[in-house]
Amino acid sequence: MNAHRKPRGRLGRRAGMHRGVLLAGLGISSLLLPSSAASQARGDVAGFIIRLGNDTIAVEQYRRSATSLESELAVRVPSARRVHFWAALDTAGRVSRFALTIRPLNHSSGVPARGTIVFHRDSADLTLTLNDSTRSLRIAAREGAVPLSAFSASLVEQAIIQARRTGRDSVAFDWLGVGSPEASPTYVARHGKDSVAVGLFGDPLYAKVDRRGRLLGLDGRETTQKVTVTRVSEVNVGAFATAFSQAEARTGPPGQLSPRDTVWADVSGAHLEVDYGRPWKRGRTIFGGVVPWHRVWRTGANAATRFTTDTDLWAGGHLIPAGSYTLWMLPDPAGAKLIVNRQTGQWGTDYDSVKDLVRLDLSCDTLPKVVENFTIGITPRDTGGVMTLSWDALAFQLPFTVAR
């Protein structure tokens, strides 16, 4: 009997160890200034710091006028790059044209890209150029659609400002990425006296705003990105770009924020496989924080975690027939459960309880050492084994046996 794990992606485990603290030792604290009352009073020039836990993964400096929005970003993940975009605003303050360029900071970590969007009343024309190849298409998009660029907070602010001009508490609109085959319907909705919720692929970003709708801070912990954003008066994008590039040259690109991994195990003649995303702790409180108690969790990140067995298994007095399933978890400090679901191939937010096969009790132990990135392991034992789900300071376990 044996069990083993095989890492996926360009980075192996050794390089992956550097992802836990992306900016350790870069000396970047002097590259940004706290937002001042004077800079917020101008409102047309500001910066944003985008963090995932205690890691800075992007920065943005933007300038807004009555007729345009221009922004420069340095982005760390999945590889170091500079992003620049310019948007023309019509007399109603909506985006009418958008142009984006992406430049990798290291030759081995991507290709240059540029794209444009021209907005019409009920459609948009898009072009995307990668190297020497250009793709053009026209897609349906509602009037007032807003471009979407990874980690840009100024475009979230643009959506909020457009919504506020309608005078309504809730406004539907479309996100539109350069090269996207379709628009993504979403919304801006009042959340409090000085806050709004902005939909991001079905999950809410919570934005703190001033009375003019300018973005002061952003909490994305309920979205799949989990980022938080802080407004500052100015950020040195060039200096951050240099720091990101140098870190990547030393350790390689960080890759996906939550890279996929696969665990294989041979247990008493049964062949088992788990395919899952592995998010990092990044200084955050995990259970009861990033992973709320009493709410179904995808047991990893991104696409739903897939479990496959070629032999019937017994767990918690229940039969799990040979086949493929998705695994979900219901964390609870008084007794967590592992959910085996018959649906497969879905995104990790598309949980359907009607398709549950069984819910199994998990035991829980406190670990002597914090586990930085979520880990699923299978340990063979006699006529079965134990599946262990470890993250932060907790390990959840499920014993099982192979049916005969």
Foldseek 3Di string as FASTA:
>chain_A
DWWDWDFDDPDDPVLLVCLLALQPPLPCPPQFFAADPVLVVVVFWWKKFKDQQQHGFKIKIWGDDQFKIWMWMFGQPLHTKIKIKMFTADNLRATQKMKMWIGGPDPVPAFIKIKMWGDDQFKIWIWIDTPHDIDIDIETFHPREFEDDPPDVVSVLSSQLSVVSVVDQKDKGWYDYHVDPYTHIWMWGDDDPQWIWTDDNHWTKIFGHDPNSGTAKIQPLRPLVRMIMHMGSDGDNVSVSVSSSVSCVVSNRNYDQWGWIKMWDQAQNKIKMKIATKHFCSNHDPDCTSNNAQDKFQLHGWARIKMAIQAWKAWQNDIDHGDMWGWIKHHHPVWIKIWTFRDDDGTSVDDDPVRTPDIHTWDKDFAPDADGIWDWTWAYDDQWTKIWTHHGGMIIIITMGTDD
